Amino acid sequence: MQELKEHFFPRIKETFYSGELPNGLQVYLIPKTDFNEYSCYVMTRFGALDTSVKGGEGTHKEYPLGLAHFLEHKLFELEDGKDLFKELSNQGVDSNAFTGFDKTCYFFSTTDKGQFGENMRLFLDSLLSTSFTEESIEREKKIIEQEIAMYQDDPDFRLYQGILSNLFPATALTEDIAGTKDSIQKITLTDLQENHQFFYQPTNMTLLLVGDFDAPSMFEILKEFHEDDSKTDKIQKPNSEVEYFPVVKTKSIYMDVAQSKLAIGYRGQKFQNSLLLKQKIALKLFFAMVLGWTSKTYQNLYESGQIDDSFDIEIEIQNQFQYLILSLDTAEPIAMSNRIRQYLKNLKNTSDLSATHLQTVKSELYGDFIRSLDDVDYLASQFVSYLGDKESYFDFPDILADLTLKDVVKIGKEFLQTADVADYIISPK
């Protein structure tokens, strides 16, 4: 067990505390004096990519796609048949959950300080135990089938999933996190119970609390919650390796859309580095400078009507993969794809890569960060997203300040020069 450790960040005058409970649960506490809202996040390192488990002597067991998402749904089912969402809602608590590629997160927020501890205990207890039945699983399959069908009718979702399919063919990244209609039909009670036993162990989970509390006192309360729990190291290792097969250069489909939709994807090399936050900030700065709304290129394209407010830049950095997706509505998807790709291939003479422009986009990112510190829910979600061995979300301002123009250009150009490129187009029927 690790005792509570204080981490102070003088640049932003913020503090968080970290520690480990006797049962192995990692705890992070962020005190926010005079805030009325409290937020609780519970994260387990089990996501959509974890579709097989390593066994002894090099063996492994395969599980259906969508299992992590399915388990997320079922853990809100309490032993007496009640729904945890509804139980918390009746007490004025907002709660939800989501499944990502590498994690599943459960969270709730409330302004009732008196009930915060009890709600937290109920929340944790429900995640560490299971009570679903064969009958309830079959009911859930119908609900998730409807969810999958709904997203398949969403052009923006299909565009995003389509470009991922081009960039990462024959991997779990090509499929909806919820799985497919066929894969969820294969999910069994045993599958769910086994994976809950594998991954919903305290030693594989993290708890984050944000609100107006005394951190040492809160840590003692948490220890009392689980003083009878024993620590286990019997965590299975997911076989979630993302293979880099050759990209599908281009693909197009037809849907009921008023105008064509285009996604251009860049698959960066595997990022085997613990400094994920630094890489993501550097790439955010780089692409904001060359294609963000403050860039001359963006302004020229916008003023000429070649792009509109649908233009978006998304950057994802994980330990096993990294990618950039540019998406937009356009009347000329093929021409626009060629135009943007050629521009990014020949960046030597652009005036947008200047020290002055870097300071502008840095100020914008810093402003967004400072505003996040006053939003308890958003702060909690960002903090969980950027948890690493050597970085935390509170390192953001220091990393941002230390990145020079030379650093940003080097990281950005190396990403582009080594990336595989593809595009995906949705055209009107």
Protein backbone atom coordinates (compact mmCIF):
# COMPACT_ATOMS: atom_id res chain seq x y z
CA MET A 1 0.00 0.00 0.00
CA GLN A 2 1.21 3.51 -0.85
CA GLU A 3 0.50 6.33 1.56
CA LEU A 4 -0.92 9.58 0.23
CA LYS A 5 1.57 11.63 -1.80
CA GLU A 6 1.17 15.34 -2.57
CA HIS A 7 1.90 16.74 -6.06
CA PHE A 8 2.01 20.54 -6.26
CA PHE A 9 2.19 22.53 -9.52
CA PRO A 10 3.37 26.09 -8.80
CA ARG A 11 2.67 27.44 -12.29
CA ILE A 12 -1.08 26.88 -11.91
CA LYS A 13 -1.21 26.68 -8.09
CA GLU A 14 -3.02 23.34 -8.21
CA THR A 15 -2.45 20.18 -6.18
CA PHE A 16 -3.43 16.58 -6.52
CA TYR A 17 -2.78 13.64 -4.21
CA SER A 18 -2.08 10.04 -5.12
CA GLY A 19 -2.05 6.86 -3.11
CA GLU A 20 -2.95 3.19 -3.09
CA LEU A 21 -5.57 1.49 -0.94
CA PRO A 22 -4.87 -1.82 0.83
CA ASN A 23 -6.74 -3.67 -1.95
CA GLY A 24 -4.49 -2.16 -4.65
CA LEU A 25 -6.91 0.49 -5.97
CA GLN A 26 -4.99 3.53 -7.24
CA VAL A 27 -6.50 6.75 -5.89
CA TYR A 28 -6.16 10.36 -7.12
CA LEU A 29 -7.69 13.23 -5.18
CA ILE A 30 -8.05 16.81 -6.46
CA PRO A 31 -9.28 19.22 -3.75
CA LYS A 32 -11.17 22.25 -5.15
CA THR A 33 -11.85 24.72 -2.34
CA ASP A 34 -15.25 26.47 -2.36
CA PHE A 35 -16.59 24.37 -5.25
CA ASN A 36 -20.15 23.09 -4.82
CA GLU A 37 -19.90 20.15 -7.21
CA TYR A 38 -18.23 16.79 -6.56
CA SER A 39 -17.11 14.38 -9.25
CA CYS A 40 -16.14 10.71 -9.04
CA TYR A 41 -14.43 8.76 -11.85
CA VAL A 42 -13.64 5.05 -11.80
CA MET A 43 -11.49 3.71 -14.62
CA THR A 44 -10.51 0.15 -15.45
CA ARG A 45 -7.79 -0.72 -17.96
CA PHE A 46 -10.06 -2.76 -20.19
CA GLY A 47 -11.36 -1.45 -23.49
CA ALA A 48 -12.62 -2.29 -26.95
CA LEU A 49 -9.21 -3.47 -28.16
CA ASP A 50 -8.94 -6.08 -25.43
CA THR A 51 -10.62 -8.93 -27.26
CA SER A 52 -8.28 -11.72 -26.18
CA VAL A 53 -6.51 -12.73 -23.00
CA LYS A 54 -3.04 -14.24 -22.77
CA GLY A 55 -2.85 -17.63 -21.10
CA GLY A 56 -0.07 -19.91 -20.04
CA GLU A 57 2.57 -21.27 -22.44
CA GLY A 58 1.77 -18.71 -25.11
CA THR A 59 -1.92 -19.58 -25.39
CA HIS A 60 -4.75 -17.07 -25.41
CA LYS A 61 -8.53 -17.01 -25.43
CA GLU A 62 -10.52 -14.93 -27.91
CA TYR A 63 -13.67 -13.01 -26.97
CA PRO A 64 -16.34 -11.39 -29.18
CA LEU A 65 -15.99 -7.77 -30.28
CA GLY A 66 -17.95 -5.34 -28.12
CA LEU A 67 -17.55 -7.29 -24.88
CA ALA A 68 -16.02 -4.40 -22.88
CA HIS A 69 -18.90 -2.11 -23.91
CA PHE A 70 -21.46 -4.83 -23.12
CA LEU A 71 -19.96 -5.31 -19.66
CA GLU A 72 -20.11 -1.54 -19.10
CA HIS A 73 -23.87 -1.66 -19.70
CA LYS A 74 -24.46 -4.63 -17.41
CA LEU A 75 -22.54 -3.35 -14.38
CA PHE A 76 -25.29 -0.81 -13.71
CA GLU A 77 -27.63 -3.69 -12.96
CA LEU A 78 -27.89 -4.17 -9.19
CA GLU A 79 -28.49 -7.46 -7.38
CA ASP A 80 -32.17 -6.76 -6.70
CA GLY A 81 -32.84 -5.98 -10.36
CA LYS A 82 -32.70 -2.23 -9.84
CA ASP A 83 -30.71 0.10 -12.09
CA LEU A 84 -27.79 2.00 -10.55
CA PHE A 85 -28.40 4.95 -12.91
CA LYS A 86 -31.95 5.33 -11.64
CA GLU A 87 -30.98 4.84 -8.00
CA LEU A 88 -28.41 7.64 -8.24
CA SER A 89 -30.72 9.86 -10.29
CA ASN A 90 -33.37 9.61 -7.56
CA GLN A 91 -30.83 11.21 -5.23
CA GLY A 92 -30.06 14.06 -7.65
CA VAL A 93 -26.89 12.44 -8.97
CA ASP A 94 -25.86 12.55 -12.64
CA SER A 95 -24.05 9.37 -13.72
CA ASN A 96 -22.82 7.81 -16.94
CA ALA A 97 -20.12 5.62 -18.46
CA PHE A 98 -18.18 5.13 -21.68
CA THR A 99 -15.92 2.53 -23.26
CA GLY A 100 -12.76 3.58 -25.10
CA PHE A 101 -10.09 1.68 -26.99
CA ASP A 102 -8.00 0.95 -23.89
CA LYS A 103 -10.21 1.73 -20.90
CA THR A 104 -13.76 1.85 -19.53
CA CYS A 105 -14.79 4.80 -17.36
CA TYR A 106 -17.70 5.22 -14.97
CA PHE A 107 -18.50 8.58 -13.42
CA PHE A 108 -21.00 10.56 -11.43
CA SER A 109 -21.33 14.12 -10.12
CA THR A 110 -23.42 15.67 -7.36
CA THR A 111 -23.77 18.81 -5.30
CA ASP A 112 -24.87 16.88 -2.20
CA LYS A 113 -21.77 16.72 -0.02
CA GLY A 114 -23.59 14.77 2.68
CA GLN A 115 -24.43 11.88 0.34
CA PHE A 116 -21.19 11.95 -1.68
CA GLY A 117 -19.45 9.27 0.40
CA GLU A 118 -22.42 6.91 0.43
CA ASN A 119 -23.00 7.35 -3.31
CA MET A 120 -19.33 6.64 -3.91
CA ARG A 121 -19.52 3.42 -1.87
CA LEU A 122 -22.61 2.28 -3.82
CA PHE A 123 -20.86 3.15 -7.10
CA LEU A 124 -17.69 1.21 -6.28
CA ASP A 125 -19.53 -1.80 -4.88
CA SER A 126 -21.62 -2.13 -8.04
CA LEU A 127 -18.52 -2.11 -10.27
CA LEU A 128 -16.65 -4.68 -8.20
CA SER A 129 -19.47 -7.24 -8.28
CA THR A 130 -21.81 -8.76 -10.85
CA SER A 131 -25.45 -9.77 -10.62
CA PHE A 132 -26.63 -10.16 -14.22
CA THR A 133 -28.45 -13.22 -15.51
CA GLU A 134 -28.85 -15.04 -18.82
CA GLU A 135 -32.25 -13.41 -19.23
CA SER A 136 -30.96 -9.89 -18.62
CA ILE A 137 -28.09 -10.47 -21.05
CA GLU A 138 -30.50 -11.41 -23.83
CA ARG A 139 -32.52 -8.25 -23.14
CA GLU A 140 -29.35 -6.17 -23.31
CA LYS A 141 -28.40 -7.65 -26.67
CA LYS A 142 -31.56 -6.19 -28.19
CA ILE A 143 -30.82 -2.77 -26.68
CA ILE A 144 -27.24 -2.73 -27.99
CA GLU A 145 -28.41 -3.94 -31.41
CA GLN A 146 -30.59 -0.84 -31.61
CA GLU A 147 -27.66 1.33 -30.54
CA ILE A 148 -25.44 -0.15 -33.26
CA ALA A 149 -28.14 0.35 -35.90
CA MET A 150 -28.65 3.97 -34.84
CA TYR A 151 -24.95 4.77 -35.29
CA GLN A 152 -24.85 3.04 -38.68
CA ASP A 153 -27.40 5.59 -39.88
CA ASP A 154 -25.22 8.51 -38.70
CA PRO A 155 -23.05 9.84 -41.59
CA ASP A 156 -20.48 11.46 -39.28
CA PHE A 157 -20.04 8.22 -37.33
CA ARG A 158 -19.73 6.23 -40.57
CA LEU A 159 -17.12 8.69 -41.84
CA TYR A 160 -15.04 8.36 -38.67
CA GLN A 161 -15.34 4.58 -38.55
CA GLY A 162 -14.65 4.38 -42.27
CA ILE A 163 -11.35 6.25 -42.12
CA LEU A 164 -10.25 4.16 -39.13
CA SER A 165 -11.04 1.04 -41.18
CA ASN A 166 -8.77 2.35 -43.93
CA LEU A 167 -5.96 3.21 -41.52
CA PHE A 168 -6.12 0.08 -39.35
CA PRO A 169 -7.59 -2.73 -41.49
CA ALA A 170 -8.15 -6.15 -39.91
CA THR A 171 -7.95 -4.80 -36.35
CA ALA A 172 -10.54 -4.07 -33.66
CA LEU A 173 -10.16 -0.36 -34.48
CA THR A 174 -12.16 -0.96 -37.65
CA GLU A 175 -15.29 -1.91 -35.74
CA ASP A 176 -17.77 0.00 -33.61
CA ILE A 177 -16.72 -0.04 -29.94
CA ALA A 178 -20.16 -1.59 -29.29
CA GLY A 179 -19.25 -4.47 -31.62
CA THR A 180 -21.39 -5.80 -34.44
CA LYS A 181 -24.85 -7.37 -34.47
CA ASP A 182 -23.19 -10.74 -35.01
CA SER A 183 -20.48 -10.35 -32.37
CA ILE A 184 -22.79 -9.34 -29.53
CA GLN A 185 -24.97 -12.36 -30.19
CA LYS A 186 -21.94 -14.51 -29.35
CA ILE A 187 -21.40 -12.90 -25.92
CA THR A 188 -22.21 -15.28 -23.09
CA LEU A 189 -22.70 -15.01 -19.35
CA THR A 190 -19.39 -16.83 -18.90
CA ASP A 191 -17.58 -14.34 -21.16
CA LEU A 192 -18.83 -11.43 -19.05
CA GLN A 193 -18.06 -13.09 -15.74
CA GLU A 194 -14.55 -14.09 -16.83
CA ASN A 195 -13.63 -10.64 -18.10
CA HIS A 196 -15.05 -8.97 -15.02
CA GLN A 197 -12.89 -11.28 -12.92
CA PHE A 198 -9.85 -10.55 -15.11
CA PHE A 199 -10.07 -6.76 -15.33
CA TYR A 200 -12.40 -5.41 -12.65
CA GLN A 201 -9.89 -6.07 -9.90
CA PRO A 202 -8.86 -3.06 -7.75
CA THR A 203 -5.22 -3.51 -8.83
CA ASN A 204 -6.30 -2.85 -12.43
CA MET A 205 -8.48 0.17 -11.59
CA THR A 206 -8.15 3.85 -10.72
CA LEU A 207 -10.41 6.10 -8.64
CA LEU A 208 -10.40 9.89 -9.07
CA LEU A 209 -12.31 12.31 -6.84
CA VAL A 210 -12.64 16.07 -7.41
CA GLY A 211 -14.37 18.47 -5.02
CA ASP A 212 -14.23 20.51 -1.83
CA PHE A 213 -12.76 18.01 0.63
CA ASP A 214 -9.69 17.47 2.76
CA ALA A 215 -7.55 14.94 0.84
CA PRO A 216 -5.98 13.08 3.82
CA SER A 217 -9.40 12.72 5.49
CA MET A 218 -10.96 11.46 2.24
CA PHE A 219 -8.16 8.95 1.82
CA GLU A 220 -8.84 7.56 5.30
CA ILE A 221 -12.55 7.23 4.46
CA LEU A 222 -11.68 5.28 1.31
CA LYS A 223 -9.40 2.96 3.30
CA GLU A 224 -12.30 2.23 5.65
CA PHE A 225 -14.50 1.32 2.67
CA HIS A 226 -12.14 -1.45 1.69
CA GLU A 227 -10.31 -2.34 4.88
CA ASP A 228 -11.49 -5.95 4.65
CA ASP A 229 -10.51 -6.37 0.97
CA SER A 230 -7.35 -8.29 0.18
CA LYS A 231 -5.02 -7.23 -2.62
CA THR A 232 -4.76 -9.55 -5.60
CA ASP A 233 -2.14 -9.59 -8.32
CA LYS A 234 -4.04 -12.13 -10.41
CA ILE A 235 -4.76 -9.72 -13.25
CA GLN A 236 -4.83 -11.26 -16.70
CA LYS A 237 -2.92 -9.54 -19.48
CA PRO A 238 -5.04 -8.54 -22.47
CA ASN A 239 -3.59 -9.37 -25.87
CA SER A 240 -4.51 -5.99 -27.39
CA GLU A 241 -1.64 -5.57 -29.85
CA VAL A 242 -2.66 -3.39 -32.84
CA GLU A 243 -1.10 -4.82 -35.99
CA TYR A 244 -0.02 -2.35 -38.68
CA PHE A 245 -1.26 -3.88 -41.92
CA PRO A 246 -1.03 -1.92 -45.20
CA VAL A 247 -3.58 0.91 -45.24
CA VAL A 248 -6.54 0.97 -47.62
CA LYS A 249 -5.66 4.06 -49.65
CA THR A 250 -9.19 5.17 -50.43
CA LYS A 251 -12.81 4.08 -50.17
CA SER A 252 -16.17 5.70 -50.80
CA ILE A 253 -19.79 4.91 -49.98
CA TYR A 254 -23.17 6.51 -50.67
CA MET A 255 -25.62 7.74 -48.02
CA ASP A 256 -28.48 10.18 -47.66
CA VAL A 257 -26.37 13.33 -47.21
CA ALA A 258 -26.85 16.77 -48.73
CA GLN A 259 -23.14 17.19 -49.49
CA SER A 260 -20.15 14.89 -49.70
CA LYS A 261 -18.17 14.19 -46.55
CA LEU A 262 -14.41 13.69 -46.64
CA ALA A 263 -12.00 12.28 -44.07
CA ILE A 264 -8.23 12.29 -44.59
CA GLY A 265 -6.35 10.06 -42.19
CA TYR A 266 -2.66 9.93 -41.27
CA ARG A 267 -1.49 6.82 -39.42
CA GLY A 268 1.64 7.68 -37.49
CA GLN A 269 4.23 5.12 -36.48
CA LYS A 270 3.65 3.19 -33.26
CA PHE A 271 4.41 5.51 -30.37
CA GLN A 272 6.40 3.39 -27.93
CA ASN A 273 7.02 6.26 -25.53
CA SER A 274 5.61 7.17 -22.13
CA LEU A 275 5.40 10.91 -22.97
CA LEU A 276 2.01 10.74 -24.68
CA LEU A 277 0.90 14.16 -23.50
CA LYS A 278 3.96 15.92 -24.92
CA GLN A 279 3.45 14.23 -28.29
CA LYS A 280 -0.23 15.15 -28.40
CA ILE A 281 0.34 18.79 -27.41
CA ALA A 282 3.12 19.18 -29.98
CA LEU A 283 0.94 17.76 -32.75
CA LYS A 284 -2.02 19.92 -31.66
CA LEU A 285 0.20 23.00 -31.91
CA PHE A 286 1.68 21.97 -35.25
CA PHE A 287 -1.62 21.26 -37.00
CA ALA A 288 -3.29 24.29 -35.44
CA MET A 289 -0.52 26.37 -37.01
CA VAL A 290 -0.74 24.84 -40.49
CA LEU A 291 -4.50 24.12 -40.76
CA GLY A 292 -6.21 25.62 -37.71
CA TRP A 293 -8.57 28.58 -37.89
CA THR A 294 -5.74 31.08 -37.20
CA SER A 295 -3.69 29.83 -40.18
CA LYS A 296 -3.59 31.66 -43.52
CA THR A 297 -4.32 28.40 -45.31
CA TYR A 298 -7.53 27.88 -43.36
CA GLN A 299 -8.62 31.48 -43.89
CA ASN A 300 -8.00 31.26 -47.65
CA LEU A 301 -9.92 28.00 -47.95
CA TYR A 302 -12.76 29.35 -45.80
CA GLU A 303 -13.08 32.67 -47.59
CA SER A 304 -13.11 30.94 -50.98
CA GLY A 305 -15.90 28.62 -49.83
CA GLN A 306 -13.80 25.45 -50.11
CA ILE A 307 -14.30 24.59 -46.43
CA ASP A 308 -16.85 25.61 -43.80
CA ASP A 309 -17.43 25.19 -40.07
CA SER A 310 -17.58 21.40 -40.51
CA PHE A 311 -13.77 21.30 -40.85
CA ASP A 312 -12.29 19.43 -37.90
CA ILE A 313 -8.92 18.12 -36.74
CA GLU A 314 -8.73 15.10 -34.40
CA ILE A 315 -5.51 13.71 -32.96
CA GLU A 316 -5.31 10.42 -31.06
CA ILE A 317 -2.12 9.26 -29.34
CA GLN A 318 -1.95 5.86 -27.65
CA ASN A 319 0.93 3.62 -26.66
CA GLN A 320 0.28 1.30 -29.59
CA PHE A 321 -0.82 3.73 -32.29
CA GLN A 322 -1.28 7.37 -33.25
CA TYR A 323 -3.38 9.00 -35.93
CA LEU A 324 -4.64 12.32 -37.26
CA ILE A 325 -8.03 12.71 -38.93
CA LEU A 326 -9.07 15.77 -40.94
CA SER A 327 -12.79 15.80 -41.72
CA LEU A 328 -15.02 18.22 -43.63
CA ASP A 329 -18.07 18.63 -45.84
CA THR A 330 -17.11 19.51 -49.40
CA ALA A 331 -18.59 19.63 -52.89
CA GLU A 332 -15.30 18.33 -54.36
CA PRO A 333 -14.00 15.58 -52.05
CA ILE A 334 -11.39 14.09 -54.40
CA ALA A 335 -9.94 17.47 -55.38
CA MET A 336 -9.96 18.68 -51.77
CA SER A 337 -8.24 15.52 -50.56
CA ASN A 338 -5.47 15.97 -53.12
CA ARG A 339 -5.16 19.68 -52.32
CA ILE A 340 -4.78 19.18 -48.56
CA ARG A 341 -2.45 16.21 -48.89
CA GLN A 342 -0.18 18.06 -51.29
CA TYR A 343 -0.12 21.08 -49.01
CA LEU A 344 0.91 18.98 -46.00
CA LYS A 345 3.56 17.26 -48.11
CA ASN A 346 5.20 20.58 -49.03
CA LEU A 347 5.31 22.74 -45.91
CA LYS A 348 8.80 24.20 -46.39
CA ASN A 349 7.73 27.67 -47.41
CA THR A 350 4.63 28.27 -45.30
CA SER A 351 4.71 31.45 -43.23
CA ASP A 352 2.30 29.92 -40.72
CA LEU A 353 5.17 28.07 -39.01
CA SER A 354 6.48 31.11 -37.15
CA ALA A 355 7.32 31.93 -33.53
CA THR A 356 4.57 34.55 -33.46
CA HIS A 357 1.93 32.12 -34.70
CA LEU A 358 3.13 29.46 -32.26
CA GLN A 359 2.57 31.88 -29.38
CA THR A 360 -0.97 32.56 -30.64
CA VAL A 361 -1.98 28.89 -30.71
CA LYS A 362 -0.20 28.26 -27.40
CA SER A 363 -2.26 31.02 -25.80
CA GLU A 364 -5.45 29.45 -27.14
CA LEU A 365 -4.58 26.01 -25.74
CA TYR A 366 -3.51 27.49 -22.42
CA GLY A 367 -6.79 29.40 -22.15
CA ASP A 368 -8.75 26.19 -22.76
CA PHE A 369 -6.71 24.45 -20.06
CA ILE A 370 -7.26 27.20 -17.47
CA ARG A 371 -11.02 27.18 -18.12
CA SER A 372 -11.08 23.40 -17.59
CA LEU A 373 -9.83 23.85 -14.02
CA ASP A 374 -13.14 25.50 -13.11
CA ASP A 375 -15.30 22.71 -14.57
CA VAL A 376 -15.23 19.78 -12.16
CA ASP A 377 -16.65 17.19 -14.58
CA TYR A 378 -14.44 18.21 -17.51
CA LEU A 379 -11.37 18.42 -15.28
CA ALA A 380 -12.00 14.90 -14.01
CA SER A 381 -12.43 13.48 -17.53
CA GLN A 382 -9.25 15.16 -18.79
CA PHE A 383 -7.23 14.10 -15.76
CA VAL A 384 -8.23 10.45 -16.25
CA SER A 385 -7.48 10.66 -19.99
CA TYR A 386 -3.91 11.87 -19.47
CA LEU A 387 -2.84 9.69 -16.56
CA GLY A 388 0.60 8.23 -17.19
CA ASP A 389 3.68 7.01 -15.39
CA LYS A 390 5.56 10.27 -16.00
CA GLU A 391 2.85 12.80 -16.88
CA SER A 392 -0.47 14.09 -15.61
CA TYR A 393 -2.98 16.61 -16.92
CA PHE A 394 -1.51 19.22 -14.56
CA ASP A 395 1.79 18.96 -16.46
CA PHE A 396 0.03 20.48 -19.50
CA PRO A 397 1.12 24.12 -18.90
CA ASP A 398 4.79 23.22 -18.30
CA ILE A 399 4.95 21.02 -21.39
CA LEU A 400 3.21 23.73 -23.42
CA ALA A 401 5.65 26.41 -22.24
CA ASP A 402 8.75 24.27 -22.84
CA LEU A 403 7.90 23.31 -26.44
CA THR A 404 9.87 25.52 -28.84
CA LEU A 405 9.07 26.22 -32.48
CA LYS A 406 11.92 23.89 -33.43
CA ASP A 407 10.46 21.11 -31.26
CA VAL A 408 6.95 21.50 -32.67
CA VAL A 409 8.05 21.61 -36.31
CA LYS A 410 10.35 18.62 -35.84
CA ILE A 411 7.65 16.48 -34.21
CA GLY A 412 5.00 17.54 -36.73
CA LYS A 413 7.13 16.95 -39.81
CA GLU A 414 8.44 13.63 -38.54
CA PHE A 415 4.86 12.52 -38.01
CA LEU A 416 3.87 13.49 -41.57
CA GLN A 417 6.99 12.06 -43.21
CA THR A 418 6.59 8.63 -41.63
CA ALA A 419 2.78 8.43 -41.70
CA ASP A 420 0.64 6.30 -44.00
CA VAL A 421 -2.20 8.27 -45.62
CA ALA A 422 -5.72 7.33 -46.64
CA ASP A 423 -9.04 8.99 -47.34
CA TYR A 424 -12.70 8.04 -47.02
CA ILE A 425 -15.60 9.69 -48.84
CA ILE A 426 -19.34 9.62 -48.27
CA SER A 427 -21.21 10.89 -51.32
CA PRO A 428 -24.91 11.75 -51.75
CA LYS A 429 -27.07 8.99 -53.21
